[in-house]
């Protein structure tokens, strides 16, 4: 790890890089992207061929869009370090099996996404990019300065050299493997007494319950949610027990995308990447992000459409940042529900947030839930409620029927099944479209 690069990036992000206006952000991005494209077009044969018809009048904002499919189908030609997909997969799968995530290929770290949308993605990061990433993460997430001692407990399905890059003489990093028995982490947490906890919301919920039940006694300075959609039902519970703002990181195979400010509002990291919005519902601010990362050279991503649903914040954030602020990460495009319009017979979108709000409006006694669209006209609901609560299924069904009626949709069959979900290494999805037919093409 190049500590000089880490420190330089930390200082740039924490103290030097300032944007007094939205225009200043955009001017900075345009300058960086122009320089980035000059490198990418000489080093990536995929992009050189992909943009061959656009090189005369090149304007990055109108270049063709790629998705994970193109990135993975053309992995060998897209990356600039000559690493083949086969070799990268072999290393990543071996790391998954042995739980040793330290090996690299020619000073390049390999990561493997969890593949919640059905396709596992590979990401590459050079040692320089790892150091830059570590500097950015520390600048945006670390309470206080670099000289303050911290013990970071990081709960994830897989470790990576990127995460270990944050370690130093003052900062100790401890990986908690979600593949292992979850309860085995109790004694380790009590012994460690972490100052920072980073984990998926489902794991944070369990840690909070351990604290309530006195299985653990910890006083972290900062708690950060990662990897899953953060639901209000979890956010409110965790904040109430630990008496602090719950922060978030929006990190994916595609990069370090967003972090929360001191007010707990998610802001896109627009000093690292540019965001274009493909609106699905402009009035409600719901969009699919198209990212151009101008810091990643090993595996460049230009006009890359993510599969996520984001909701932009309609009012300025009190922190004063000119970076795009989000109301929330709503979920994935694959988990939009669909209904049939009574009059036209056409399919109509119901965003995850609509379902989420209906569930939460129905009762304050719901502790946990899972809603799955199993068929176009079949919705299954799992509820975990306070033991003394009665008649809650009827209330939930009434709220969901009200939602379908609002959009003039055919009312589906609602079924209720036992809530049997536990925290594990698999990403939790409270709102899930399990219909086999891939409807993603209908909305993009």
Protein backbone atom coordinates (compact mmCIF):
# COMPACT_ATOMS: atom_id res chain seq x y z
CA UNK A 1 0.00 0.00 0.00
CA UNK A 2 1.41 3.35 -1.06
CA UNK A 3 0.86 5.45 2.07
CA UNK A 4 1.89 8.64 0.26
CA UNK A 5 -0.92 8.23 -2.29
CA UNK A 6 -3.37 7.38 0.50
CA UNK A 7 -2.40 10.48 2.49
CA UNK A 8 -2.50 12.72 -0.60
CA UNK A 9 -6.00 11.50 -1.50
CA UNK A 10 -7.13 11.91 2.10
CA UNK A 11 -5.92 15.52 2.21
CA UNK A 12 -7.44 16.34 -1.19
CA UNK A 13 -10.81 14.94 -0.22
CA UNK A 14 -10.93 16.17 3.37
CA UNK A 15 -9.41 19.64 3.14
CA UNK A 16 -8.51 20.83 -0.37
CA UNK A 17 -11.16 19.82 -2.91
CA UNK A 18 -13.98 22.33 -2.44
CA UNK A 19 -16.88 23.20 -4.75
CA UNK A 20 -18.65 26.53 -4.11
CA UNK A 21 -21.41 25.85 -6.65
CA UNK A 22 -23.04 23.18 -8.78
CA UNK A 23 -21.29 24.66 -11.81
CA UNK A 24 -17.92 24.23 -10.10
CA UNK A 25 -18.69 20.52 -9.63
CA UNK A 26 -19.61 20.10 -13.30
CA UNK A 27 -16.58 22.05 -14.55
CA UNK A 28 -14.31 19.86 -12.44
CA UNK A 29 -15.96 16.68 -13.76
CA UNK A 30 -15.72 17.78 -17.41
CA UNK A 31 -12.03 18.55 -17.04
CA UNK A 32 -11.30 15.21 -15.37
CA UNK A 33 -13.38 13.19 -17.84
CA UNK A 34 -11.70 14.79 -20.85
CA UNK A 35 -8.29 13.78 -19.49
CA UNK A 36 -9.60 10.33 -18.51
CA UNK A 37 -11.00 9.65 -21.98
CA UNK A 38 -7.67 10.48 -23.59
CA UNK A 39 -6.10 7.67 -21.53
CA UNK A 40 -8.94 5.16 -21.91
CA UNK A 41 -9.15 5.45 -25.70
CA UNK A 42 -5.47 4.58 -26.05
CA UNK A 43 -5.42 1.76 -23.49
CA UNK A 44 -8.81 0.01 -23.77
CA UNK A 45 -9.51 -1.63 -27.12
CA UNK A 46 -13.15 -2.13 -26.14
CA UNK A 47 -13.82 1.58 -25.67
CA UNK A 48 -11.75 2.51 -28.71
CA UNK A 49 -13.89 0.24 -30.90
CA UNK A 50 -17.13 1.02 -29.07
CA UNK A 51 -16.69 4.75 -29.64
CA UNK A 52 -15.22 4.54 -33.14
CA UNK A 53 -18.25 6.28 -34.70
CA UNK A 54 -18.19 9.08 -32.12
CA UNK A 55 -14.53 10.11 -31.98
CA UNK A 56 -14.84 13.08 -34.33
CA UNK A 57 -17.49 14.91 -32.32
CA UNK A 58 -16.77 13.30 -28.95
CA UNK A 59 -18.99 14.55 -26.13
CA UNK A 60 -18.88 12.25 -23.13
CA UNK A 61 -22.45 13.09 -22.11
CA UNK A 62 -23.86 11.54 -25.29
CA UNK A 63 -21.56 8.54 -25.70
CA UNK A 64 -23.20 5.09 -25.95
CA UNK A 65 -24.24 3.45 -22.68
CA UNK A 66 -22.94 0.11 -21.39
CA UNK A 67 -24.30 -2.22 -18.68
CA UNK A 68 -22.88 -5.05 -16.61
CA UNK A 69 -23.52 -7.39 -19.53
CA UNK A 70 -21.20 -5.46 -21.86
CA UNK A 71 -18.64 -5.03 -19.10
CA UNK A 72 -18.51 -8.77 -18.43
CA UNK A 73 -18.84 -9.89 -22.07
CA UNK A 74 -15.88 -7.67 -23.04
CA UNK A 75 -13.96 -7.87 -19.77
CA UNK A 76 -10.66 -8.82 -21.42
CA UNK A 77 -10.70 -5.92 -23.90
CA UNK A 78 -12.22 -3.39 -21.50
CA UNK A 79 -9.62 -3.53 -18.73
CA UNK A 80 -6.28 -1.84 -19.38
CA UNK A 81 -3.94 -4.28 -17.61
CA UNK A 82 -4.38 -7.41 -19.74
CA UNK A 83 -6.13 -9.54 -17.10
CA UNK A 84 -8.47 -12.18 -18.53
CA UNK A 85 -11.90 -12.88 -17.11
CA UNK A 86 -11.05 -16.56 -16.72
CA UNK A 87 -7.94 -15.87 -14.65
CA UNK A 88 -9.72 -13.24 -12.53
CA UNK A 89 -12.66 -15.56 -11.84
CA UNK A 90 -10.34 -18.40 -10.89
CA UNK A 91 -8.59 -16.21 -8.31
CA UNK A 92 -11.85 -14.77 -6.97
CA UNK A 93 -13.56 -18.17 -6.63
CA UNK A 94 -10.47 -19.63 -4.94
CA UNK A 95 -10.55 -16.74 -2.46
CA UNK A 96 -14.25 -17.41 -1.79
CA UNK A 97 -13.54 -21.07 -1.05
CA UNK A 98 -10.41 -20.62 1.07
CA UNK A 99 -11.59 -17.34 2.68
CA UNK A 100 -8.12 -15.94 1.92
CA UNK A 101 -8.71 -12.72 -0.01
CA UNK A 102 -5.12 -11.46 -0.12
CA UNK A 103 -3.80 -12.87 -3.47
CA UNK A 104 -3.52 -10.48 -6.42
CA UNK A 105 -2.68 -10.67 -10.11
CA UNK A 106 0.31 -8.46 -10.91
CA UNK A 107 -0.41 -5.96 -8.11
CA UNK A 108 -4.12 -5.82 -9.03
CA UNK A 109 -6.77 -6.78 -6.46
CA UNK A 110 -9.72 -8.84 -7.71
CA UNK A 111 -13.21 -8.55 -6.27
CA UNK A 112 -16.36 -10.54 -6.93
CA UNK A 113 -19.83 -9.09 -6.44
CA UNK A 114 -22.56 -11.08 -4.71
CA UNK A 115 -24.69 -11.17 -7.84
CA UNK A 116 -28.07 -10.21 -6.36
CA UNK A 117 -29.43 -9.53 -9.84
CA UNK A 118 -28.36 -12.92 -11.13
CA UNK A 119 -25.01 -12.03 -12.61
CA UNK A 120 -21.80 -11.95 -10.59
CA UNK A 121 -19.49 -9.11 -11.51
CA UNK A 122 -15.72 -8.81 -11.31
CA UNK A 123 -13.90 -5.66 -10.34
CA UNK A 124 -10.22 -4.80 -10.62
CA UNK A 125 -8.25 -2.24 -8.64
CA UNK A 126 -4.53 -1.51 -8.94
CA UNK A 127 -2.42 -0.82 -5.85
CA UNK A 128 -2.55 2.90 -6.69
CA UNK A 129 -6.34 2.83 -7.04
CA UNK A 130 -6.59 0.88 -3.76
CA UNK A 131 -4.56 3.57 -2.00
CA UNK A 132 -6.70 6.32 -3.53
CA UNK A 133 -9.86 4.45 -2.51
CA UNK A 134 -8.58 4.06 1.04
CA UNK A 135 -7.76 7.78 1.26
CA UNK A 136 -11.24 8.72 0.04
CA UNK A 137 -12.96 6.31 2.42
CA UNK A 138 -11.00 7.54 5.43
CA UNK A 139 -11.63 11.20 4.52
CA UNK A 140 -15.36 10.70 4.09
CA UNK A 141 -16.07 8.22 6.88
CA UNK A 142 -13.50 8.48 9.65
CA UNK A 143 -14.57 10.47 12.74
CA UNK A 144 -11.84 12.95 13.68
CA UNK A 145 -8.45 12.79 11.96
CA UNK A 146 -5.94 10.15 10.96
CA UNK A 147 -4.08 10.47 14.26
CA UNK A 148 -7.02 9.24 16.31
CA UNK A 149 -7.02 5.54 17.13
CA UNK A 150 -9.83 3.46 15.67
CA UNK A 151 -10.82 -0.19 15.70
CA UNK A 152 -13.05 -0.93 12.72
CA UNK A 153 -15.30 -3.99 12.74
CA UNK A 154 -16.27 -4.79 9.15
CA UNK A 155 -19.01 -7.37 8.52
CA UNK A 156 -19.24 -8.64 4.94
CA UNK A 157 -19.61 -11.80 2.89
CA UNK A 158 -16.10 -11.43 1.48
CA UNK A 159 -12.96 -9.56 2.47
CA UNK A 160 -10.82 -7.72 -0.08
CA UNK A 161 -7.42 -6.06 -0.26
CA UNK A 162 -9.26 -2.75 -0.69
CA UNK A 163 -10.73 -2.96 2.79
CA UNK A 164 -7.43 -3.95 4.37
CA UNK A 165 -5.87 -0.88 2.74
CA UNK A 166 -7.42 1.32 5.44
CA UNK A 167 -5.24 -0.24 8.16
CA UNK A 168 -2.41 1.79 9.70
CA UNK A 169 -0.56 2.16 12.99
CA UNK A 170 -3.56 4.10 14.33
CA UNK A 171 -6.38 2.34 12.48
CA UNK A 172 -6.96 -1.37 13.01
CA UNK A 173 -9.24 -3.26 10.66
CA UNK A 174 -11.05 -6.45 11.75
CA UNK A 175 -12.96 -8.52 9.21
CA UNK A 176 -16.02 -10.39 10.50
CA UNK A 177 -16.88 -13.11 8.00
CA UNK A 178 -20.65 -13.39 7.45
CA UNK A 179 -20.16 -16.88 6.04
CA UNK A 180 -19.17 -18.08 9.51
CA UNK A 181 -21.65 -18.80 12.31
CA UNK A 182 -23.14 -15.38 13.11
CA UNK A 183 -23.26 -16.02 16.86
CA UNK A 184 -19.50 -16.63 16.92
CA UNK A 185 -19.05 -12.88 16.48
CA UNK A 186 -20.55 -12.02 19.88
CA UNK A 187 -17.44 -12.74 21.96
CA UNK A 188 -15.19 -11.12 19.35
CA UNK A 189 -17.23 -7.89 19.46
CA UNK A 190 -17.10 -7.78 23.26
CA UNK A 191 -13.35 -8.34 23.20
CA UNK A 192 -12.65 -5.85 20.41
CA UNK A 193 -14.87 -2.97 21.57
CA UNK A 194 -14.90 -1.39 18.08
CA UNK A 195 -15.07 2.36 17.62
CA UNK A 196 -16.61 1.94 14.15
CA UNK A 197 -18.96 -0.80 12.92
CA UNK A 198 -19.60 -1.32 9.20
CA UNK A 199 -22.18 -3.95 8.26
CA UNK A 200 -25.30 -4.67 6.20
CA UNK A 201 -28.54 -3.47 7.85
CA UNK A 202 -29.65 -7.05 8.56
CA UNK A 203 -26.43 -7.64 10.53
CA UNK A 204 -26.63 -4.25 12.23
CA UNK A 205 -30.15 -5.15 13.31
CA UNK A 206 -28.87 -8.36 14.89
CA UNK A 207 -25.97 -6.53 16.60
CA UNK A 208 -28.49 -4.04 18.00
CA UNK A 209 -30.65 -6.88 19.34
CA UNK A 210 -27.56 -8.39 20.97
CA UNK A 211 -26.96 -5.04 22.65
CA UNK A 212 -30.58 -4.83 23.84
CA UNK A 213 -30.45 -8.39 25.20
CA UNK A 214 -27.09 -7.67 26.91
CA UNK A 215 -25.19 -10.30 24.93
CA UNK A 216 -22.76 -7.54 23.95
CA UNK A 217 -21.78 -4.25 25.61
CA UNK A 218 -20.23 -1.93 23.02
CA UNK A 219 -20.12 1.85 22.51
CA UNK A 220 -19.16 2.53 18.87
CA UNK A 221 -18.61 6.15 17.85
CA UNK A 222 -19.99 5.56 14.37
CA UNK A 223 -22.16 2.91 12.73
CA UNK A 224 -22.26 2.57 8.94
CA UNK A 225 -24.75 0.61 6.84
CA UNK A 226 -23.51 -1.04 3.64
CA UNK A 227 -24.41 -3.64 0.97
CA UNK A 228 -28.21 -3.73 1.42
CA UNK A 229 -31.08 -1.27 1.13
CA UNK A 230 -31.43 0.53 4.46
CA UNK A 231 -35.08 0.47 5.51
CA UNK A 232 -36.56 2.99 7.94
CA UNK A 233 -37.72 0.15 10.18
CA UNK A 234 -34.06 -0.79 10.78
CA UNK A 235 -32.65 2.74 10.72
CA UNK A 236 -35.02 3.98 13.42
CA UNK A 237 -34.43 0.97 15.65
CA UNK A 238 -30.61 1.08 15.42
CA UNK A 239 -30.48 4.85 15.97
CA UNK A 240 -32.77 4.62 18.99
CA UNK A 241 -30.71 1.93 20.73
CA UNK A 242 -27.25 3.34 20.00
CA UNK A 243 -28.36 6.99 20.28
CA UNK A 244 -26.60 8.21 17.16
CA UNK A 245 -27.14 8.91 13.46
CA UNK A 246 -26.82 5.79 11.33
CA UNK A 247 -24.59 6.49 8.33
CA UNK A 248 -24.50 4.78 4.94
CA UNK A 249 -22.04 3.91 2.20
CA UNK A 250 -23.26 3.18 -1.31
CA UNK A 251 -20.46 0.95 -2.59
CA UNK A 252 -20.80 -1.52 -5.45
CA UNK A 253 -18.74 -3.48 -7.94
CA UNK A 254 -18.89 -0.29 -9.96
CA UNK A 255 -17.18 1.88 -7.34
CA UNK A 256 -17.40 4.08 -4.25
CA UNK A 257 -20.64 5.78 -5.20
CA UNK A 258 -22.04 7.71 -2.23
CA UNK A 259 -21.57 8.48 1.45
CA UNK A 260 -23.59 10.26 4.13
CA UNK A 261 -22.80 13.73 5.40
CA UNK A 262 -22.94 14.74 9.08
CA UNK A 263 -26.74 14.98 8.78
CA UNK A 264 -27.01 11.37 7.62
CA UNK A 265 -27.98 12.37 4.06
CA UNK A 266 -26.51 10.32 1.23
CA UNK A 267 -24.52 12.34 -1.32
CA UNK A 268 -23.12 10.90 -4.53
CA UNK A 269 -19.31 11.10 -4.61
CA UNK A 270 -19.26 13.52 -7.52
CA UNK A 271 -15.60 14.32 -6.96
CA UNK A 272 -14.90 10.75 -8.15
CA UNK A 273 -17.62 10.17 -10.72
CA UNK A 274 -20.27 11.93 -12.76
CA UNK A 275 -23.92 10.92 -12.46
CA UNK A 276 -26.52 11.14 -15.20
CA UNK A 277 -30.14 10.41 -14.34
CA UNK A 278 -32.43 8.19 -16.38
CA UNK A 279 -35.78 9.04 -14.82
CA UNK A 280 -38.44 6.40 -14.35
CA UNK A 281 -40.70 8.83 -12.49
CA UNK A 282 -39.40 12.41 -12.65
CA UNK A 283 -42.17 13.84 -10.47
CA UNK A 284 -41.15 11.52 -7.63
CA UNK A 285 -37.43 11.88 -8.39
CA UNK A 286 -36.96 8.16 -9.08
CA UNK A 287 -34.10 7.44 -11.46
CA UNK A 288 -31.57 4.89 -12.64
CA UNK A 289 -27.99 6.26 -12.39
CA UNK A 290 -25.59 6.25 -15.33
CA UNK A 291 -22.07 6.69 -13.96
CA UNK A 292 -18.79 7.82 -15.45
CA UNK A 293 -15.94 7.14 -13.04
CA UNK A 294 -12.95 9.33 -13.90
CA UNK A 295 -10.63 7.84 -11.24
CA UNK A 296 -10.58 4.17 -12.29
CA UNK A 297 -8.07 3.37 -15.03
CA UNK A 298 -7.60 -0.36 -14.52
CA UNK A 299 -11.26 -1.13 -15.26
CA UNK A 300 -12.72 2.06 -16.75
CA UNK A 301 -16.47 2.65 -16.57
CA UNK A 302 -17.84 5.33 -18.88
CA UNK A 303 -21.58 5.94 -19.21
CA UNK A 304 -22.29 2.74 -17.28
CA UNK A 305 -25.94 2.14 -16.38
CA UNK A 306 -26.42 0.64 -12.95
CA UNK A 307 -29.36 -1.59 -12.06
CA UNK A 308 -30.26 0.48 -8.99
CA UNK A 309 -33.23 2.70 -8.23
CA UNK A 310 -32.36 5.98 -6.52
CA UNK A 311 -34.65 8.73 -5.26
CA UNK A 312 -33.20 12.24 -5.36
CA UNK A 313 -33.72 14.62 -2.46
CA UNK A 314 -36.17 17.37 -3.42
CA UNK A 315 -34.82 19.96 -0.96
CA UNK A 316 -31.22 21.19 -0.40
CA UNK A 317 -29.25 19.32 2.24
CA UNK A 318 -28.52 21.46 5.33
CA UNK A 319 -24.84 20.45 5.10
CA UNK A 320 -24.49 22.78 2.09
CA UNK A 321 -22.83 20.24 -0.23
CA UNK A 322 -23.41 20.72 -3.96
CA UNK A 323 -23.09 16.98 -4.58
CA UNK A 324 -26.30 15.22 -5.60
CA UNK A 325 -28.26 14.31 -2.47
CA UNK A 326 -30.46 11.22 -2.24
CA UNK A 327 -33.65 10.68 -0.32
CA UNK A 328 -32.88 7.00 -0.33
CA UNK A 329 -31.62 4.01 -2.31
CA UNK A 330 -34.92 2.37 -3.24
CA UNK A 331 -33.69 -1.02 -4.44
CA UNK A 332 -32.94 -2.63 -7.77
CA UNK A 333 -34.77 -2.35 -11.07
CA UNK A 334 -35.34 -6.12 -10.92
CA UNK A 335 -37.49 -5.65 -7.83
CA UNK A 336 -40.01 -3.21 -9.20
CA UNK A 337 -43.46 -4.75 -8.79
CA UNK A 338 -45.90 -4.79 -11.69
CA UNK A 339 -49.68 -4.64 -11.80
CA UNK A 340 -52.20 -4.92 -14.62
CA UNK A 341 -54.17 -1.78 -15.43
CA UNK A 342 -57.91 -2.49 -15.30
CA UNK A 343 -58.77 -0.38 -18.34
CA UNK A 344 -55.81 -0.85 -20.70
CA UNK A 345 -54.53 -4.27 -19.63
CA UNK A 346 -51.00 -2.87 -19.69
CA UNK A 347 -48.38 -3.45 -17.01
CA UNK A 348 -47.85 -0.64 -14.53
CA UNK A 349 -44.81 -0.15 -12.29
CA UNK A 350 -45.03 -0.12 -8.50
CA UNK A 351 -41.68 0.98 -7.07
CA UNK A 352 -40.26 -0.72 -3.96
CA UNK A 353 -40.80 2.47 -1.95
CA UNK A 354 -44.56 2.29 -2.65
CA UNK A 355 -44.72 -1.23 -1.19
CA UNK A 356 -42.50 -0.28 1.73
CA UNK A 357 -44.66 2.71 2.68
CA UNK A 358 -47.87 0.66 2.52
CA UNK A 359 -46.44 -1.93 4.90
CA UNK A 360 -45.22 0.67 7.38
CA UNK A 361 -48.46 2.67 7.24
CA UNK A 362 -50.48 -0.38 8.17
CA UNK A 363 -49.12 -0.74 11.72
CA UNK A 364 -46.41 0.44 14.10
CA UNK A 365 -46.23 -3.07 15.55
CA UNK A 366 -44.40 -4.61 12.57
CA UNK A 367 -40.86 -5.60 13.56
CA UNK A 368 -39.77 -7.32 10.34
CA UNK A 369 -41.29 -8.02 6.94
CA UNK A 370 -40.67 -9.44 3.48
CA UNK A 371 -42.94 -8.85 0.46
CA UNK A 372 -42.45 -10.99 -2.65
CA UNK A 373 -44.21 -10.74 -5.99
CA UNK A 374 -44.33 -14.43 -6.91
CA UNK A 375 -46.57 -13.96 -9.93
CA UNK A 376 -48.13 -10.96 -11.59
CA UNK A 377 -51.29 -11.48 -9.52
CA UNK A 378 -49.78 -13.18 -6.46
CA UNK A 379 -48.07 -11.34 -3.61
CA UNK A 380 -46.65 -13.19 -0.59
CA UNK A 381 -46.04 -11.39 2.71
CA UNK A 382 -43.99 -12.46 5.71
CA UNK A 383 -44.48 -10.52 8.94
CA UNK A 384 -42.77 -10.52 12.31
CA UNK A 385 -44.87 -8.55 14.80
CA UNK A 386 -45.12 -7.85 18.51
CA UNK A 387 -46.53 -10.90 20.26
CA UNK A 388 -49.63 -9.10 21.53
CA UNK A 389 -50.60 -7.72 18.11
CA UNK A 390 -53.76 -9.12 16.48
CA UNK A 391 -55.48 -8.45 13.16
CA UNK A 392 -52.36 -7.06 11.57
CA UNK A 393 -52.60 -9.15 8.40
CA UNK A 394 -55.96 -7.55 7.58
CA UNK A 395 -54.48 -4.06 8.04
CA UNK A 396 -51.53 -4.86 5.77
CA UNK A 397 -53.80 -6.30 3.09
CA UNK A 398 -56.05 -3.21 3.21
CA UNK A 399 -53.09 -0.86 2.72
CA UNK A 400 -51.72 -2.88 -0.19
CA UNK A 401 -55.15 -3.07 -1.83
CA UNK A 402 -55.41 0.70 -1.44
CA UNK A 403 -52.11 1.05 -3.32
CA UNK A 404 -53.26 -1.16 -6.20
CA UNK A 405 -56.59 0.70 -6.37
CA UNK A 406 -54.85 4.07 -6.46
CA UNK A 407 -53.28 3.15 -9.80
CA UNK A 408 -56.41 1.38 -11.10
CA UNK A 409 -54.74 -2.01 -11.07
CA UNK A 410 -56.28 -5.47 -10.85
CA UNK A 411 -56.13 -6.52 -7.19
CA UNK A 412 -53.79 -9.53 -6.85
CA UNK A 413 -54.11 -12.39 -4.39
CA UNK A 414 -52.30 -11.64 -1.11
CA UNK A 415 -50.98 -14.59 0.90
CA UNK A 416 -49.24 -14.62 4.28
CA UNK A 417 -46.50 -17.05 5.27
CA UNK A 418 -44.31 -17.50 8.33
CA UNK A 419 -41.47 -15.04 8.84
CA UNK A 420 -38.49 -17.41 8.84
CA UNK A 421 -35.65 -15.16 7.66
CA UNK A 422 -32.40 -14.85 9.60
CA UNK A 423 -29.27 -12.78 9.02
CA UNK A 424 -26.76 -14.56 6.79
CA UNK A 425 -24.08 -13.92 4.19
CA UNK A 426 -26.80 -13.48 1.56
CA UNK A 427 -28.05 -9.97 0.93
CA UNK A 428 -31.45 -9.35 2.46
CA UNK A 429 -34.17 -7.99 0.21
CA UNK A 430 -37.38 -6.92 1.92
CA UNK A 431 -39.07 -6.10 -1.38
CA UNK A 432 -38.44 -8.71 -4.07
CA UNK A 433 -39.87 -9.44 -7.50
CA UNK A 434 -39.44 -13.18 -7.98
CA UNK A 435 -41.41 -13.40 -11.23
CA UNK A 436 -39.31 -15.53 -13.57
CA UNK A 437 -39.98 -13.35 -16.60
CA UNK A 438 -37.35 -10.63 -16.85
CA UNK A 439 -39.29 -7.39 -16.96
CA UNK A 440 -36.27 -5.11 -16.75
CA UNK A 441 -36.33 -4.40 -20.48
CA UNK A 442 -39.81 -2.91 -20.11
CA UNK A 443 -38.60 -0.03 -17.97
CA UNK A 444 -35.25 0.78 -19.56
